[in-house]
Amino acid sequence: MNVEKLVLDVLNEQSYDLPVVSPILLEENSIAVMGMSTNEYRHYYDGSKEKVFLFQVLVRHDVQFEAYRTLLQIVNDLLKTEGASNSDSYDFKKITITEDPKKIVQADQYYIFGAQFSADLYIRGVVNND
């Protein structure tokens, strides 16, 4: 399971005025989603599992306020994410912030803001009817 793809799907459903990419920011105004490694999971007898995915969202913009405002909107959108996937193969249990939104760096005329998140997913197992 690719956490970047899951988060990209959620963010692409929103109406941001910036392209959403993974795993690194574009040279112009953009939003990037980057997965981070973790080994937190639980397996169940039915083949299902609960897994924690860590990821970071970065916003690059030439207007500092717009970078911060966009990141805050992303935080609000992600924290409201719940429910089953389109394929019904997993459920978002919850998304939490593990590192609050903050300014990372000012590079040339661009401002980069970022936040880190943890997504808890329930992944359905494959049922054998033998």
N, C-alpha and C. Protein backbone atom coordinates (compact mmCIF):
# COMPACT_ATOMS: atom_id res chain seq x y z
N MET A 1 0.84 -1.17 0.00
CA MET A 1 0.00 0.00 0.00
C MET A 1 0.89 1.24 0.00
N ASN A 2 0.59 2.20 -0.85
CA ASN A 2 1.38 3.39 -1.03
C ASN A 2 0.68 4.58 -0.38
N VAL A 3 1.20 5.05 0.73
CA VAL A 3 0.55 6.14 1.47
C VAL A 3 0.53 7.43 0.65
N GLU A 4 1.57 7.67 -0.14
CA GLU A 4 1.58 8.88 -0.96
C GLU A 4 0.38 8.89 -1.90
N LYS A 5 0.08 7.75 -2.52
CA LYS A 5 -1.05 7.65 -3.45
C LYS A 5 -2.36 7.93 -2.73
N LEU A 6 -2.52 7.37 -1.53
CA LEU A 6 -3.74 7.59 -0.75
C LEU A 6 -3.94 9.07 -0.45
N VAL A 7 -2.89 9.72 0.03
CA VAL A 7 -2.99 11.13 0.40
C VAL A 7 -3.14 11.99 -0.86
N LEU A 8 -2.43 11.65 -1.92
CA LEU A 8 -2.59 12.38 -3.18
C LEU A 8 -4.04 12.33 -3.66
N ASP A 9 -4.66 11.16 -3.56
CA ASP A 9 -6.06 11.03 -3.96
C ASP A 9 -6.96 11.95 -3.13
N VAL A 10 -6.73 11.99 -1.82
CA VAL A 10 -7.52 12.85 -0.94
C VAL A 10 -7.31 14.32 -1.30
N LEU A 11 -6.06 14.73 -1.49
CA LEU A 11 -5.77 16.13 -1.78
C LEU A 11 -6.24 16.53 -3.17
N ASN A 12 -6.17 15.63 -4.13
CA ASN A 12 -6.62 15.95 -5.48
C ASN A 12 -8.13 16.12 -5.58
N GLU A 13 -8.87 15.62 -4.60
CA GLU A 13 -10.32 15.83 -4.56
C GLU A 13 -10.67 17.25 -4.10
N GLN A 14 -9.71 17.96 -3.54
CA GLN A 14 -9.92 19.32 -3.05
C GLN A 14 -9.64 20.31 -4.19
N SER A 15 -9.91 21.58 -3.94
CA SER A 15 -9.71 22.58 -4.99
C SER A 15 -8.59 23.54 -4.62
N TYR A 16 -7.37 23.03 -4.57
CA TYR A 16 -6.21 23.89 -4.35
C TYR A 16 -5.80 24.47 -5.69
N ASP A 17 -5.21 25.64 -5.67
CA ASP A 17 -4.76 26.28 -6.90
C ASP A 17 -3.32 25.89 -7.24
N LEU A 18 -2.81 24.86 -6.61
CA LEU A 18 -1.43 24.41 -6.81
C LEU A 18 -1.42 22.94 -7.23
N PRO A 19 -0.44 22.54 -8.04
CA PRO A 19 -0.32 21.12 -8.36
C PRO A 19 0.11 20.32 -7.12
N VAL A 20 -0.46 19.12 -6.98
CA VAL A 20 -0.11 18.23 -5.87
C VAL A 20 0.70 17.07 -6.44
N VAL A 21 1.94 16.91 -5.94
CA VAL A 21 2.87 15.91 -6.48
C VAL A 21 3.48 15.08 -5.36
N SER A 22 4.23 14.08 -5.74
CA SER A 22 4.95 13.24 -4.78
C SER A 22 6.23 12.75 -5.44
N PRO A 23 7.32 12.66 -4.77
CA PRO A 23 7.58 12.96 -3.36
C PRO A 23 8.23 14.32 -3.13
N ILE A 24 8.61 15.08 -4.19
CA ILE A 24 9.31 16.34 -3.95
C ILE A 24 8.57 17.50 -4.62
N LEU A 25 8.79 18.69 -4.08
CA LEU A 25 8.18 19.90 -4.62
C LEU A 25 8.68 20.20 -6.02
N LEU A 26 7.83 20.85 -6.81
CA LEU A 26 8.24 21.33 -8.12
C LEU A 26 9.05 22.61 -7.94
N GLU A 27 9.65 23.10 -9.00
CA GLU A 27 10.44 24.33 -8.93
C GLU A 27 9.56 25.57 -8.76
N GLU A 28 8.26 25.45 -9.03
CA GLU A 28 7.34 26.57 -8.86
C GLU A 28 6.41 26.28 -7.68
N ASN A 29 5.40 27.12 -7.50
CA ASN A 29 4.42 26.91 -6.43
C ASN A 29 3.84 25.51 -6.55
N SER A 30 3.83 24.76 -5.44
CA SER A 30 3.33 23.38 -5.49
C SER A 30 3.13 22.83 -4.09
N ILE A 31 2.49 21.65 -4.06
CA ILE A 31 2.27 20.88 -2.82
C ILE A 31 2.91 19.52 -3.05
N ALA A 32 3.66 19.02 -2.06
CA ALA A 32 4.27 17.70 -2.18
C ALA A 32 3.90 16.83 -0.99
N VAL A 33 3.71 15.54 -1.27
CA VAL A 33 3.42 14.54 -0.24
C VAL A 33 4.56 13.54 -0.26
N MET A 34 5.17 13.30 0.91
CA MET A 34 6.29 12.37 0.99
C MET A 34 6.05 11.38 2.12
N GLY A 35 6.02 10.10 1.80
CA GLY A 35 5.87 9.06 2.82
C GLY A 35 7.14 8.91 3.63
N MET A 36 6.97 8.47 4.86
CA MET A 36 8.09 8.23 5.77
C MET A 36 7.94 6.81 6.30
N SER A 37 9.05 6.19 6.66
CA SER A 37 8.98 4.78 7.07
C SER A 37 8.47 4.62 8.50
N THR A 38 7.77 3.50 8.71
CA THR A 38 7.28 3.12 10.02
C THR A 38 7.03 1.62 10.03
N ASN A 39 7.07 1.01 11.19
CA ASN A 39 6.81 -0.42 11.32
C ASN A 39 5.65 -0.70 12.27
N GLU A 40 4.75 0.24 12.41
CA GLU A 40 3.62 0.06 13.31
C GLU A 40 2.47 -0.62 12.59
N TYR A 41 2.13 -1.86 13.02
CA TYR A 41 1.01 -2.57 12.40
C TYR A 41 0.54 -3.69 13.33
N ARG A 42 -0.68 -4.14 13.08
CA ARG A 42 -1.27 -5.29 13.77
C ARG A 42 -1.90 -6.18 12.72
N HIS A 43 -1.62 -7.48 12.80
CA HIS A 43 -2.23 -8.46 11.89
C HIS A 43 -3.32 -9.22 12.63
N TYR A 44 -4.39 -9.56 11.90
CA TYR A 44 -5.50 -10.31 12.48
C TYR A 44 -5.67 -11.64 11.74
N TYR A 45 -6.35 -12.60 12.39
CA TYR A 45 -6.52 -13.94 11.82
C TYR A 45 -7.26 -13.95 10.49
N ASP A 46 -8.12 -13.00 10.27
CA ASP A 46 -8.87 -12.98 9.00
C ASP A 46 -8.06 -12.40 7.84
N GLY A 47 -6.79 -12.07 8.10
CA GLY A 47 -5.92 -11.51 7.06
C GLY A 47 -5.93 -9.99 7.02
N SER A 48 -6.80 -9.37 7.79
CA SER A 48 -6.83 -7.92 7.83
C SER A 48 -5.70 -7.41 8.72
N LYS A 49 -5.45 -6.11 8.64
CA LYS A 49 -4.43 -5.52 9.50
C LYS A 49 -4.70 -4.04 9.71
N GLU A 50 -4.19 -3.53 10.78
CA GLU A 50 -4.19 -2.11 11.05
C GLU A 50 -2.76 -1.64 10.89
N LYS A 51 -2.57 -0.57 10.15
CA LYS A 51 -1.23 -0.09 9.88
C LYS A 51 -1.19 1.42 10.04
N VAL A 52 -0.08 1.92 10.55
CA VAL A 52 0.15 3.34 10.71
C VAL A 52 1.11 3.78 9.61
N PHE A 53 0.72 4.81 8.88
CA PHE A 53 1.56 5.40 7.84
C PHE A 53 1.93 6.81 8.25
N LEU A 54 3.20 7.15 8.12
CA LEU A 54 3.66 8.50 8.40
C LEU A 54 3.93 9.21 7.08
N PHE A 55 3.59 10.49 7.03
CA PHE A 55 3.87 11.25 5.82
C PHE A 55 4.00 12.73 6.15
N GLN A 56 4.63 13.44 5.23
CA GLN A 56 4.84 14.87 5.37
C GLN A 56 4.21 15.57 4.17
N VAL A 57 3.63 16.73 4.42
CA VAL A 57 3.09 17.56 3.35
C VAL A 57 3.84 18.89 3.38
N LEU A 58 4.36 19.27 2.21
CA LEU A 58 5.08 20.53 2.06
C LEU A 58 4.34 21.41 1.06
N VAL A 59 4.34 22.71 1.33
CA VAL A 59 3.74 23.68 0.41
C VAL A 59 4.81 24.71 0.07
N ARG A 60 5.00 24.91 -1.23
CA ARG A 60 5.96 25.91 -1.72
C ARG A 60 5.17 27.00 -2.44
N HIS A 61 5.39 28.25 -2.03
CA HIS A 61 4.66 29.35 -2.67
C HIS A 61 5.52 30.61 -2.60
N ASP A 62 5.34 31.50 -3.58
CA ASP A 62 6.11 32.73 -3.59
C ASP A 62 5.49 33.81 -2.69
N VAL A 63 4.31 33.56 -2.13
CA VAL A 63 3.69 34.46 -1.17
C VAL A 63 3.59 33.70 0.16
N GLN A 64 4.30 34.22 1.17
CA GLN A 64 4.38 33.51 2.45
C GLN A 64 3.00 33.21 3.04
N PHE A 65 2.11 34.18 3.05
CA PHE A 65 0.78 33.97 3.62
C PHE A 65 0.03 32.87 2.87
N GLU A 66 0.15 32.81 1.55
CA GLU A 66 -0.54 31.79 0.75
C GLU A 66 0.01 30.40 1.05
N ALA A 67 1.30 30.29 1.26
CA ALA A 67 1.89 29.00 1.61
C ALA A 67 1.31 28.50 2.94
N TYR A 68 1.27 29.38 3.92
CA TYR A 68 0.76 29.01 5.24
C TYR A 68 -0.74 28.73 5.19
N ARG A 69 -1.50 29.58 4.52
CA ARG A 69 -2.96 29.40 4.40
C ARG A 69 -3.29 28.08 3.71
N THR A 70 -2.56 27.77 2.65
CA THR A 70 -2.80 26.51 1.93
C THR A 70 -2.50 25.32 2.82
N LEU A 71 -1.40 25.37 3.56
CA LEU A 71 -1.07 24.26 4.46
C LEU A 71 -2.14 24.09 5.54
N LEU A 72 -2.64 25.18 6.09
CA LEU A 72 -3.71 25.07 7.10
C LEU A 72 -4.96 24.45 6.50
N GLN A 73 -5.29 24.79 5.26
CA GLN A 73 -6.45 24.19 4.59
C GLN A 73 -6.23 22.69 4.38
N ILE A 74 -5.01 22.32 4.01
CA ILE A 74 -4.68 20.89 3.84
C ILE A 74 -4.84 20.16 5.16
N VAL A 75 -4.35 20.75 6.25
CA VAL A 75 -4.48 20.14 7.58
C VAL A 75 -5.95 19.91 7.89
N ASN A 76 -6.78 20.92 7.69
CA ASN A 76 -8.22 20.77 7.95
C ASN A 76 -8.84 19.69 7.09
N ASP A 77 -8.49 19.64 5.82
CA ASP A 77 -9.04 18.64 4.92
C ASP A 77 -8.61 17.23 5.32
N LEU A 78 -7.34 17.07 5.67
CA LEU A 78 -6.84 15.74 6.05
C LEU A 78 -7.45 15.26 7.36
N LEU A 79 -7.61 16.16 8.32
CA LEU A 79 -8.16 15.76 9.61
C LEU A 79 -9.62 15.33 9.50
N LYS A 80 -10.31 15.75 8.45
CA LYS A 80 -11.70 15.35 8.23
C LYS A 80 -11.81 14.06 7.42
N THR A 81 -10.68 13.54 6.96
CA THR A 81 -10.70 12.35 6.11
C THR A 81 -11.07 11.12 6.93
N GLU A 82 -12.06 10.40 6.44
CA GLU A 82 -12.47 9.15 7.08
C GLU A 82 -13.26 8.34 6.08
N GLY A 83 -13.50 7.10 6.42
CA GLY A 83 -14.34 6.26 5.58
C GLY A 83 -13.56 5.30 4.72
N ALA A 84 -14.28 4.59 3.88
CA ALA A 84 -13.70 3.53 3.06
C ALA A 84 -13.10 4.10 1.78
N SER A 85 -12.16 3.35 1.24
CA SER A 85 -11.57 3.70 -0.05
C SER A 85 -12.57 3.43 -1.16
N ASN A 86 -12.28 3.95 -2.35
CA ASN A 86 -13.14 3.69 -3.50
C ASN A 86 -13.25 2.20 -3.81
N SER A 87 -12.18 1.46 -3.60
CA SER A 87 -12.18 0.02 -3.87
C SER A 87 -12.69 -0.79 -2.68
N ASP A 88 -12.99 -0.10 -1.56
CA ASP A 88 -13.46 -0.74 -0.34
C ASP A 88 -12.45 -1.73 0.24
N SER A 89 -11.15 -1.51 -0.04
CA SER A 89 -10.12 -2.40 0.47
C SER A 89 -9.52 -1.92 1.79
N TYR A 90 -9.77 -0.68 2.17
CA TYR A 90 -9.26 -0.15 3.43
C TYR A 90 -10.18 0.95 3.93
N ASP A 91 -10.06 1.25 5.23
CA ASP A 91 -10.76 2.37 5.86
C ASP A 91 -9.73 3.28 6.50
N PHE A 92 -9.90 4.59 6.31
CA PHE A 92 -9.14 5.54 7.11
C PHE A 92 -9.76 5.54 8.49
N LYS A 93 -9.00 5.16 9.51
CA LYS A 93 -9.52 5.25 10.87
C LYS A 93 -9.37 6.67 11.38
N LYS A 94 -8.17 7.24 11.21
CA LYS A 94 -7.96 8.63 11.60
C LYS A 94 -6.63 9.12 11.05
N ILE A 95 -6.54 10.41 10.91
CA ILE A 95 -5.29 11.07 10.57
C ILE A 95 -5.02 12.08 11.68
N THR A 96 -3.81 12.07 12.20
CA THR A 96 -3.44 13.01 13.25
C THR A 96 -2.18 13.77 12.83
N ILE A 97 -2.01 14.93 13.41
CA ILE A 97 -0.82 15.74 13.16
C ILE A 97 0.26 15.29 14.14
N THR A 98 1.44 14.96 13.62
CA THR A 98 2.55 14.60 14.50
C THR A 98 3.56 15.74 14.63
N GLU A 99 3.54 16.68 13.67
CA GLU A 99 4.36 17.89 13.76
C GLU A 99 3.55 19.04 13.17
N ASP A 100 3.29 20.05 13.98
CA ASP A 100 2.43 21.16 13.59
C ASP A 100 2.96 21.91 12.37
N PRO A 101 2.06 22.57 11.64
CA PRO A 101 2.47 23.37 10.49
C PRO A 101 3.47 24.45 10.90
N LYS A 102 4.51 24.58 10.10
CA LYS A 102 5.51 25.61 10.40
C LYS A 102 6.30 25.94 9.14
N LYS A 103 6.97 27.07 9.20
CA LYS A 103 7.83 27.48 8.10
C LYS A 103 9.10 26.65 8.17
N ILE A 104 9.43 26.03 7.05
CA ILE A 104 10.64 25.20 6.98
C ILE A 104 11.83 26.04 6.52
N VAL A 105 11.63 26.78 5.42
CA VAL A 105 12.74 27.55 4.86
C VAL A 105 12.20 28.58 3.87
N GLN A 106 13.00 29.63 3.66
CA GLN A 106 12.74 30.54 2.56
C GLN A 106 13.91 30.35 1.60
N ALA A 107 13.59 29.90 0.40
CA ALA A 107 14.61 29.64 -0.61
C ALA A 107 14.34 30.54 -1.81
N ASP A 108 15.28 31.40 -2.14
CA ASP A 108 15.09 32.40 -3.20
C ASP A 108 13.82 33.19 -2.89
N GLN A 109 12.89 33.26 -3.83
CA GLN A 109 11.66 34.02 -3.59
C GLN A 109 10.55 33.14 -3.05
N TYR A 110 10.81 31.85 -2.76
CA TYR A 110 9.78 30.92 -2.33
C TYR A 110 9.85 30.67 -0.82
N TYR A 111 8.66 30.43 -0.26
CA TYR A 111 8.52 30.03 1.14
C TYR A 111 8.04 28.59 1.16
N ILE A 112 8.64 27.79 2.03
CA ILE A 112 8.23 26.39 2.14
C ILE A 112 7.75 26.15 3.56
N PHE A 113 6.49 25.71 3.67
CA PHE A 113 5.87 25.36 4.94
C PHE A 113 5.59 23.87 4.93
N GLY A 114 5.62 23.23 6.10
CA GLY A 114 5.37 21.79 6.16
C GLY A 114 4.72 21.36 7.45
N ALA A 115 4.14 20.16 7.39
CA ALA A 115 3.55 19.50 8.57
C ALA A 115 3.69 18.00 8.37
N GLN A 116 3.75 17.27 9.48
CA GLN A 116 3.84 15.82 9.42
C GLN A 116 2.59 15.21 10.03
N PHE A 117 2.22 14.03 9.48
CA PHE A 117 0.98 13.38 9.85
C PHE A 117 1.19 11.89 10.07
N SER A 118 0.22 11.31 10.76
CA SER A 118 0.14 9.87 10.96
C SER A 118 -1.26 9.45 10.51
N ALA A 119 -1.33 8.45 9.63
CA ALA A 119 -2.62 7.94 9.15
C ALA A 119 -2.78 6.51 9.62
N ASP A 120 -3.86 6.24 10.35
CA ASP A 120 -4.17 4.89 10.81
C ASP A 120 -5.19 4.30 9.85
N LEU A 121 -4.82 3.18 9.23
CA LEU A 121 -5.69 2.52 8.26
C LEU A 121 -6.03 1.11 8.69
N TYR A 122 -7.24 0.71 8.41
CA TYR A 122 -7.67 -0.67 8.58
C TYR A 122 -7.73 -1.26 7.17
N ILE A 123 -6.91 -2.27 6.91
CA ILE A 123 -6.83 -2.88 5.59
C ILE A 123 -7.52 -4.25 5.65
N ARG A 124 -8.53 -4.40 4.83
CA ARG A 124 -9.31 -5.64 4.85
C ARG A 124 -8.49 -6.81 4.33
N GLY A 125 -8.72 -7.98 4.93
CA GLY A 125 -8.06 -9.19 4.49
C GLY A 125 -8.82 -9.86 3.35
N VAL A 126 -8.16 -10.79 2.71
CA VAL A 126 -8.78 -11.56 1.64
C VAL A 126 -9.45 -12.77 2.28
N VAL A 127 -10.70 -12.95 2.00
CA VAL A 127 -11.46 -14.05 2.58
C VAL A 127 -11.46 -15.23 1.61
N ASN A 128 -11.03 -16.39 2.09
CA ASN A 128 -11.07 -17.63 1.30
C ASN A 128 -12.32 -18.40 1.64
N ASN A 129 -13.11 -18.76 0.64
CA ASN A 129 -14.31 -19.55 0.86
C ASN A 129 -14.11 -20.98 0.38
N ASP A 130 -13.06 -21.63 0.84
CA ASP A 130 -12.77 -23.01 0.42
C ASP A 130 -13.60 -24.01 1.16
